Amino acid sequence: MLNQQINFHEVTSVYDDIPLELLMGLHDEIHKNIKKGILSEVMYSELHLMKDAAKRKGIRFLPFDK
Protein backbone atom coordinates (compact mmCIF):
# COMPACT_ATOMS: atom_id res chain seq x y z
CA MET A 1 0.00 0.00 0.00
CA LEU A 2 1.30 3.43 -0.90
CA ASN A 3 1.88 5.97 1.82
CA GLN A 4 -0.08 8.95 0.51
CA GLN A 5 -0.84 12.23 2.19
CA ILE A 6 -4.04 14.03 1.37
CA ASN A 7 -3.88 17.79 1.02
CA PHE A 8 -7.33 18.73 2.24
CA HIS A 9 -7.03 22.23 0.77
CA GLU A 10 -7.05 20.63 -2.69
CA VAL A 11 -10.02 18.33 -2.05
CA THR A 12 -13.18 19.86 -3.49
CA SER A 13 -16.57 20.00 -1.84
CA VAL A 14 -20.11 20.91 -2.80
CA TYR A 15 -19.24 24.49 -1.83
CA ASP A 16 -16.95 24.75 -4.86
CA ASP A 17 -20.00 24.48 -7.12
CA ILE A 18 -22.11 27.31 -5.68
CA PRO A 19 -21.78 30.99 -6.62
CA LEU A 20 -19.43 33.04 -4.48
CA GLU A 21 -22.17 35.41 -3.28
CA LEU A 22 -24.23 32.47 -2.00
CA LEU A 23 -21.17 30.92 -0.38
CA MET A 24 -20.39 34.14 1.46
CA GLY A 25 -23.97 34.58 2.68
CA LEU A 26 -24.25 30.96 3.78
CA HIS A 27 -20.95 31.19 5.65
CA ASP A 28 -22.14 34.32 7.47
CA GLU A 29 -25.53 32.82 8.41
CA ILE A 30 -24.06 29.57 9.68
CA HIS A 31 -21.50 31.45 11.76
CA LYS A 32 -24.20 33.69 13.28
CA ASN A 33 -26.40 30.68 14.09
CA ILE A 34 -23.53 28.85 15.78
CA LYS A 35 -22.87 31.91 17.95
CA LYS A 36 -26.59 32.14 18.84
CA GLY A 37 -26.65 28.44 19.77
CA ILE A 38 -29.13 27.56 17.03
CA LEU A 39 -26.55 25.32 15.32
CA SER A 40 -24.02 23.15 17.13
CA GLU A 41 -20.30 23.83 17.09
CA VAL A 42 -19.92 20.77 14.86
CA MET A 43 -20.92 23.12 12.04
CA TYR A 44 -17.49 24.78 12.32
CA SER A 45 -16.29 21.93 10.08
CA GLU A 46 -18.70 23.19 7.40
CA LEU A 47 -17.33 26.71 7.79
CA HIS A 48 -13.87 25.30 7.23
CA LEU A 49 -15.00 23.61 4.01
CA MET A 50 -16.53 26.91 2.87
CA LYS A 51 -13.32 28.81 3.62
CA ASP A 52 -11.33 26.27 1.61
CA ALA A 53 -13.74 26.58 -1.34
CA ALA A 54 -13.53 30.38 -1.21
CA LYS A 55 -9.75 30.17 -1.11
CA ARG A 56 -9.76 28.04 -4.26
CA LYS A 57 -11.90 30.77 -5.88
CA GLY A 58 -9.32 33.38 -4.88
CA ILE A 59 -11.30 34.88 -1.97
CA ARG A 60 -10.31 35.02 1.66
CA PHE A 61 -12.93 35.50 4.36
CA LEU A 62 -12.12 38.12 6.96
CA PRO A 63 -12.22 36.97 10.59
CA PHE A 64 -15.45 37.54 12.48
CA ASP A 65 -15.59 39.86 15.47
CA LYS A 66 -15.80 37.92 18.70
PDB file of N, CA and C in Angstrom:
ATOM      1  N   MET A   1       0.843  -1.186   0.000  1.00  0.00           N
ATOM      2  CA  MET A   1       0.000   0.000   0.000  1.00  0.00           C
ATOM      3  C   MET A   1       0.886   1.247   0.000  1.00  0.00           C
ATOM      4  N   LEU A   2       0.535   2.194  -0.802  1.00  0.00           N
ATOM      5  CA  LEU A   2       1.300   3.430  -0.899  1.00  0.00           C
ATOM      6  C   LEU A   2       1.010   4.337   0.279  1.00  0.00           C
ATOM      7  N   ASN A   3       2.040   4.995   0.751  1.00  0.00           N
ATOM      8  CA  ASN A   3       1.882   5.974   1.815  1.00  0.00           C
ATOM      9  C   ASN A   3       1.592   7.322   1.159  1.00  0.00           C
ATOM     10  N   GLN A   4       0.317   7.720   1.165  1.00  0.00           N
ATOM     11  CA  GLN A   4      -0.083   8.953   0.508  1.00  0.00           C
ATOM     12  C   GLN A   4      -0.625   9.935   1.529  1.00  0.00           C
ATOM     13  N   GLN A   5      -0.276  11.180   1.363  1.00  0.00           N
ATOM     14  CA  GLN A   5      -0.843  12.230   2.192  1.00  0.00           C
ATOM     15  C   GLN A   5      -1.887  12.970   1.375  1.00  0.00           C
ATOM     16  N   ILE A   6      -2.978  13.298   2.032  1.00  0.00           N
ATOM     17  CA  ILE A   6      -4.044  14.033   1.367  1.00  0.00           C
ATOM     18  C   ILE A   6      -3.916  15.494   1.762  1.00  0.00           C
ATOM     19  N   ASN A   7      -3.862  16.359   0.771  1.00  0.00           N
ATOM     20  CA  ASN A   7      -3.875  17.791   1.022  1.00  0.00           C
ATOM     21  C   ASN A   7      -5.332  18.228   0.982  1.00  0.00           C
ATOM     22  N   PHE A   8      -5.914  18.446   2.166  1.00  0.00           N
ATOM     23  CA  PHE A   8      -7.334  18.734   2.240  1.00  0.00           C
ATOM     24  C   PHE A   8      -7.698  20.084   1.641  1.00  0.00           C
ATOM     25  N   HIS A   9      -6.730  20.955   1.403  1.00  0.00           N
ATOM     26  CA  HIS A   9      -7.027  22.228   0.766  1.00  0.00           C
ATOM     27  C   HIS A   9      -7.242  22.052  -0.737  1.00  0.00           C
ATOM     28  N   GLU A  10      -6.855  20.891  -1.270  1.00  0.00           N
ATOM     29  CA  GLU A  10      -7.049  20.625  -2.691  1.00  0.00           C
ATOM     30  C   GLU A  10      -8.263  19.730  -2.952  1.00  0.00           C
ATOM     31  N   VAL A  11      -8.825  19.162  -1.908  1.00  0.00           N
ATOM     32  CA  VAL A  11     -10.018  18.327  -2.050  1.00  0.00           C
ATOM     33  C   VAL A  11     -11.218  19.254  -2.229  1.00  0.00           C
ATOM     34  N   THR A  12     -12.024  18.982  -3.234  1.00  0.00           N
ATOM     35  CA  THR A  12     -13.175  19.855  -3.489  1.00  0.00           C
ATOM     36  C   THR A  12     -14.390  19.392  -2.695  1.00  0.00           C
ATOM     37  N   SER A  13     -15.326  20.296  -2.539  1.00  0.00           N
ATOM     38  CA  SER A  13     -16.573  19.999  -1.837  1.00  0.00           C
ATOM     39  C   SER A  13     -17.727  20.588  -2.630  1.00  0.00           C
ATOM     40  N   VAL A  14     -18.919  20.365  -2.148  1.00  0.00           N
ATOM     41  CA  VAL A  14     -20.114  20.906  -2.799  1.00  0.00           C
ATOM     42  C   VAL A  14     -20.050  22.437  -2.836  1.00  0.00           C
ATOM     43  N   TYR A  15     -19.334  23.029  -1.903  1.00  0.00           N
ATOM     44  CA  TYR A  15     -19.238  24.487  -1.832  1.00  0.00           C
ATOM     45  C   TYR A  15     -18.453  25.087  -3.002  1.00  0.00           C
ATOM     46  N   ASP A  16     -17.679  24.270  -3.682  1.00  0.00           N
ATOM     47  CA  ASP A  16     -16.954  24.753  -4.862  1.00  0.00           C
ATOM     48  C   ASP A  16     -17.896  25.018  -6.032  1.00  0.00           C
ATOM     49  N   ASP A  17     -19.077  24.401  -5.990  1.00  0.00           N
ATOM     50  CA  ASP A  17     -20.002  24.482  -7.116  1.00  0.00           C
ATOM     51  C   ASP A  17     -21.058  25.574  -6.983  1.00  0.00           C
ATOM     52  N   ILE A  18     -21.095  26.269  -5.844  1.00  0.00           N
ATOM     53  CA  ILE A  18     -22.114  27.309  -5.685  1.00  0.00           C
ATOM     54  C   ILE A  18     -21.504  28.681  -5.925  1.00  0.00           C
ATOM     55  N   PRO A  19     -22.303  29.647  -6.357  1.00  0.00           N
ATOM     56  CA  PRO A  19     -21.784  30.994  -6.621  1.00  0.00           C
ATOM     57  C   PRO A  19     -21.170  31.615  -5.366  1.00  0.00           C
ATOM     58  N   LEU A  20     -20.170  32.430  -5.577  1.00  0.00           N
ATOM     59  CA  LEU A  20     -19.433  33.039  -4.478  1.00  0.00           C
ATOM     60  C   LEU A  20     -20.325  33.853  -3.544  1.00  0.00           C
ATOM     61  N   GLU A  21     -21.282  34.593  -4.106  1.00  0.00           N
ATOM     62  CA  GLU A  21     -22.169  35.413  -3.276  1.00  0.00           C
ATOM     63  C   GLU A  21     -22.988  34.541  -2.328  1.00  0.00           C
ATOM     64  N   LEU A  22     -23.471  33.401  -2.831  1.00  0.00           N
ATOM     65  CA  LEU A  22     -24.229  32.473  -2.000  1.00  0.00           C
ATOM     66  C   LEU A  22     -23.331  31.852  -0.936  1.00  0.00           C
ATOM     67  N   LEU A  23     -22.132  31.491  -1.312  1.00  0.00           N
ATOM     68  CA  LEU A  23     -21.169  30.917  -0.379  1.00  0.00           C
ATOM     69  C   LEU A  23     -20.880  31.884   0.771  1.00  0.00           C
ATOM     70  N   MET A  24     -20.679  33.143   0.443  1.00  0.00           N
ATOM     71  CA  MET A  24     -20.389  34.143   1.464  1.00  0.00           C
ATOM     72  C   MET A  24     -21.576  34.334   2.408  1.00  0.00           C
ATOM     73  N   GLY A  25     -22.777  34.405   1.858  1.00  0.00           N
ATOM     74  CA  GLY A  25     -23.970  34.577   2.679  1.00  0.00           C
ATOM     75  C   GLY A  25     -24.232  33.379   3.566  1.00  0.00           C
ATOM     76  N   LEU A  26     -24.058  32.188   3.019  1.00  0.00           N
ATOM     77  CA  LEU A  26     -24.252  30.964   3.781  1.00  0.00           C
ATOM     78  C   LEU A  26     -23.244  30.869   4.922  1.00  0.00           C
ATOM     79  N   HIS A  27     -22.006  31.200   4.630  1.00  0.00           N
ATOM     80  CA  HIS A  27     -20.955  31.189   5.653  1.00  0.00           C
ATOM     81  C   HIS A  27     -21.318  32.132   6.794  1.00  0.00           C
ATOM     82  N   ASP A  28     -21.767  33.317   6.462  1.00  0.00           N
ATOM     83  CA  ASP A  28     -22.135  34.316   7.468  1.00  0.00           C
ATOM     84  C   ASP A  28     -23.304  33.825   8.322  1.00  0.00           C
ATOM     85  N   GLU A  29     -24.338  33.286   7.679  1.00  0.00           N
ATOM     86  CA  GLU A  29     -25.527  32.819   8.408  1.00  0.00           C
ATOM     87  C   GLU A  29     -25.207  31.643   9.328  1.00  0.00           C
ATOM     88  N   ILE A  30     -24.420  30.712   8.843  1.00  0.00           N
ATOM     89  CA  ILE A  30     -24.059  29.567   9.682  1.00  0.00           C
ATOM     90  C   ILE A  30     -23.255  30.031  10.889  1.00  0.00           C
ATOM     91  N   HIS A  31     -22.313  30.940  10.652  1.00  0.00           N
ATOM     92  CA  HIS A  31     -21.502  31.449  11.763  1.00  0.00           C
ATOM     93  C   HIS A  31     -22.383  32.155  12.799  1.00  0.00           C
ATOM     94  N   LYS A  32     -23.296  32.991  12.357  1.00  0.00           N
ATOM     95  CA  LYS A  32     -24.202  33.685  13.277  1.00  0.00           C
ATOM     96  C   LYS A  32     -25.034  32.695  14.084  1.00  0.00           C
ATOM     97  N   ASN A  33     -25.547  31.657  13.411  1.00  0.00           N
ATOM     98  CA  ASN A  33     -26.396  30.682  14.090  1.00  0.00           C
ATOM     99  C   ASN A  33     -25.621  29.795  15.066  1.00  0.00           C
ATOM    100  N   ILE A  34     -24.361  29.560  14.806  1.00  0.00           N
ATOM    101  CA  ILE A  34     -23.526  28.845  15.780  1.00  0.00           C
ATOM    102  C   ILE A  34     -23.369  29.715  17.026  1.00  0.00           C
ATOM    103  N   LYS A  35     -23.061  30.987  16.821  1.00  0.00           N
ATOM    104  CA  LYS A  35     -22.869  31.910  17.948  1.00  0.00           C
ATOM    105  C   LYS A  35     -24.148  32.068  18.776  1.00  0.00           C
ATOM    106  N   LYS A  36     -25.309  32.014  18.133  1.00  0.00           N
ATOM    107  CA  LYS A  36     -26.588  32.136  18.839  1.00  0.00           C
ATOM    108  C   LYS A  36     -26.984  30.831  19.525  1.00  0.00           C
ATOM    109  N   GLY A  37     -26.322  29.731  19.199  1.00  0.00           N
ATOM    110  CA  GLY A  37     -26.652  28.439  19.774  1.00  0.00           C
ATOM    111  C   GLY A  37     -27.716  27.682  19.001  1.00  0.00           C
ATOM    112  N   ILE A  38     -28.120  28.219  17.858  1.00  0.00           N
ATOM    113  CA  ILE A  38     -29.128  27.556  17.029  1.00  0.00           C
ATOM    114  C   ILE A  38     -28.520  26.318  16.353  1.00  0.00           C
ATOM    115  N   LEU A  39     -27.286  26.443  15.910  1.00  0.00           N
ATOM    116  CA  LEU A  39     -26.554  25.319  15.319  1.00  0.00           C
ATOM    117  C   LEU A  39     -25.433  24.903  16.270  1.00  0.00           C
ATOM    118  N   SER A  40     -25.074  23.634  16.231  1.00  0.00           N
ATOM    119  CA  SER A  40     -24.017  23.152  17.125  1.00  0.00           C
ATOM    120  C   SER A  40     -22.642  23.566  16.589  1.00  0.00           C
ATOM    121  N   GLU A  41     -21.664  23.473  17.467  1.00  0.00           N
ATOM    122  CA  GLU A  41     -20.302  23.834  17.088  1.00  0.00           C
ATOM    123  C   GLU A  41     -19.701  22.852  16.089  1.00  0.00           C
ATOM    124  N   VAL A  42     -20.363  21.725  15.879  1.00  0.00           N
ATOM    125  CA  VAL A  42     -19.923  20.766  14.861  1.00  0.00           C
ATOM    126  C   VAL A  42     -19.945  21.431  13.482  1.00  0.00           C
ATOM    127  N   MET A  43     -20.801  22.427  13.322  1.00  0.00           N
ATOM    128  CA  MET A  43     -20.919  23.124  12.035  1.00  0.00           C
ATOM    129  C   MET A  43     -19.665  23.928  11.687  1.00  0.00           C
ATOM    130  N   TYR A  44     -18.749  24.108  12.648  1.00  0.00           N
ATOM    131  CA  TYR A  44     -17.486  24.780  12.319  1.00  0.00           C
ATOM    132  C   TYR A  44     -16.741  24.021  11.228  1.00  0.00           C
ATOM    133  N   SER A  45     -16.940  22.704  11.149  1.00  0.00           N
ATOM    134  CA  SER A  45     -16.294  21.932  10.080  1.00  0.00           C
ATOM    135  C   SER A  45     -16.836  22.355   8.716  1.00  0.00           C
ATOM    136  N   GLU A  46     -18.125  22.694   8.649  1.00  0.00           N
ATOM    137  CA  GLU A  46     -18.699  23.185   7.400  1.00  0.00           C
ATOM    138  C   GLU A  46     -18.114  24.549   7.041  1.00  0.00           C
ATOM    139  N   LEU A  47     -17.934  25.400   8.044  1.00  0.00           N
ATOM    140  CA  LEU A  47     -17.331  26.710   7.792  1.00  0.00           C
ATOM    141  C   LEU A  47     -15.928  26.546   7.226  1.00  0.00           C
ATOM    142  N   HIS A  48     -15.223  25.557   7.731  1.00  0.00           N
ATOM    143  CA  HIS A  48     -13.869  25.302   7.234  1.00  0.00           C
ATOM    144  C   HIS A  48     -13.905  24.875   5.765  1.00  0.00           C
ATOM    145  N   LEU A  49     -14.856  24.023   5.410  1.00  0.00           N
ATOM    146  CA  LEU A  49     -15.003  23.613   4.010  1.00  0.00           C
ATOM    147  C   LEU A  49     -15.331  24.816   3.119  1.00  0.00           C
ATOM    148  N   MET A  50     -16.172  25.714   3.633  1.00  0.00           N
ATOM    149  CA  MET A  50     -16.530  26.915   2.874  1.00  0.00           C
ATOM    150  C   MET A  50     -15.324  27.825   2.683  1.00  0.00           C
ATOM    151  N   LYS A  51     -14.527  27.979   3.731  1.00  0.00           N
ATOM    152  CA  LYS A  51     -13.321  28.807   3.623  1.00  0.00           C
ATOM    153  C   LYS A  51     -12.364  28.233   2.592  1.00  0.00           C
ATOM    154  N   ASP A  52     -12.210  26.908   2.586  1.00  0.00           N
ATOM    155  CA  ASP A  52     -11.332  26.273   1.608  1.00  0.00           C
ATOM    156  C   ASP A  52     -11.841  26.479   0.187  1.00  0.00           C
ATOM    157  N   ALA A  53     -13.151  26.369  -0.009  1.00  0.00           N
ATOM    158  CA  ALA A  53     -13.737  26.578  -1.340  1.00  0.00           C
ATOM    159  C   ALA A  53     -13.532  28.022  -1.785  1.00  0.00           C
ATOM    160  N   ALA A  54     -13.736  28.960  -0.873  1.00  0.00           N
ATOM    161  CA  ALA A  54     -13.532  30.375  -1.207  1.00  0.00           C
ATOM    162  C   ALA A  54     -12.070  30.635  -1.572  1.00  0.00           C
ATOM    163  N   LYS A  55     -11.184  30.009  -0.836  1.00  0.00           N
ATOM    164  CA  LYS A  55      -9.753  30.171  -1.108  1.00  0.00           C
ATOM    165  C   LYS A  55      -9.411  29.688  -2.516  1.00  0.00           C
ATOM    166  N   ARG A  56     -10.008  28.565  -2.911  1.00  0.00           N
ATOM    167  CA  ARG A  56      -9.760  28.044  -4.264  1.00  0.00           C
ATOM    168  C   ARG A  56     -10.332  28.972  -5.331  1.00  0.00           C
ATOM    169  N   LYS A  57     -11.324  29.786  -4.955  1.00  0.00           N
ATOM    170  CA  LYS A  57     -11.903  30.771  -5.875  1.00  0.00           C
ATOM    171  C   LYS A  57     -11.159  32.103  -5.810  1.00  0.00           C
ATOM    172  N   GLY A  58     -10.126  32.170  -4.972  1.00  0.00           N
ATOM    173  CA  GLY A  58      -9.321  33.383  -4.881  1.00  0.00           C
ATOM    174  C   GLY A  58      -9.835  34.397  -3.876  1.00  0.00           C
ATOM    175  N   ILE A  59     -10.714  33.986  -2.972  1.00  0.00           N
ATOM    176  CA  ILE A  59     -11.301  34.881  -1.975  1.00  0.00           C
ATOM    177  C   ILE A  59     -10.898  34.405  -0.587  1.00  0.00           C
ATOM    178  N   ARG A  60     -10.629  35.350   0.276  1.00  0.00           N
ATOM    179  CA  ARG A  60     -10.312  35.020   1.665  1.00  0.00           C
ATOM    180  C   ARG A  60     -11.320  35.702   2.563  1.00  0.00           C
ATOM    181  N   PHE A  61     -11.983  34.929   3.410  1.00  0.00           N
ATOM    182  CA  PHE A  61     -12.929  35.496   4.358  1.00  0.00           C
ATOM    183  C   PHE A  61     -12.166  36.252   5.450  1.00  0.00           C
ATOM    184  N   LEU A  62     -12.696  37.390   5.847  1.00  0.00           N
ATOM    185  CA  LEU A  62     -12.118  38.118   6.963  1.00  0.00           C
ATOM    186  C   LEU A  62     -12.595  37.481   8.258  1.00  0.00           C
ATOM    187  N   PRO A  63     -11.783  37.549   9.308  1.00  0.00           N
ATOM    188  CA  PRO A  63     -12.219  36.974  10.592  1.00  0.00           C
ATOM    189  C   PRO A  63     -13.439  37.702  11.137  1.00  0.00           C
ATOM    190  N   PHE A  64     -14.284  36.956  11.839  1.00  0.00           N
ATOM    191  CA  PHE A  64     -15.451  37.544  12.481  1.00  0.00           C
ATOM    192  C   PHE A  64     -15.022  38.228  13.766  1.00  0.00           C
ATOM    193  N   ASP A  65     -15.788  39.254  14.155  1.00  0.00           N
ATOM    194  CA  ASP A  65     -15.588  39.856  15.470  1.00  0.00           C
ATOM    195  C   ASP A  65     -16.088  38.884  16.507  1.00  0.00           C
ATOM    196  N   LYS A  66     -15.378  38.831  17.613  1.00  0.00           N
ATOM    197  CA  LYS A  66     -15.795  37.915  18.699  1.00  0.00           C
ATOM    198  C   LYS A  66     -16.654  38.628  19.682  1.00  0.00           C
TER     199      LYS A  66
END
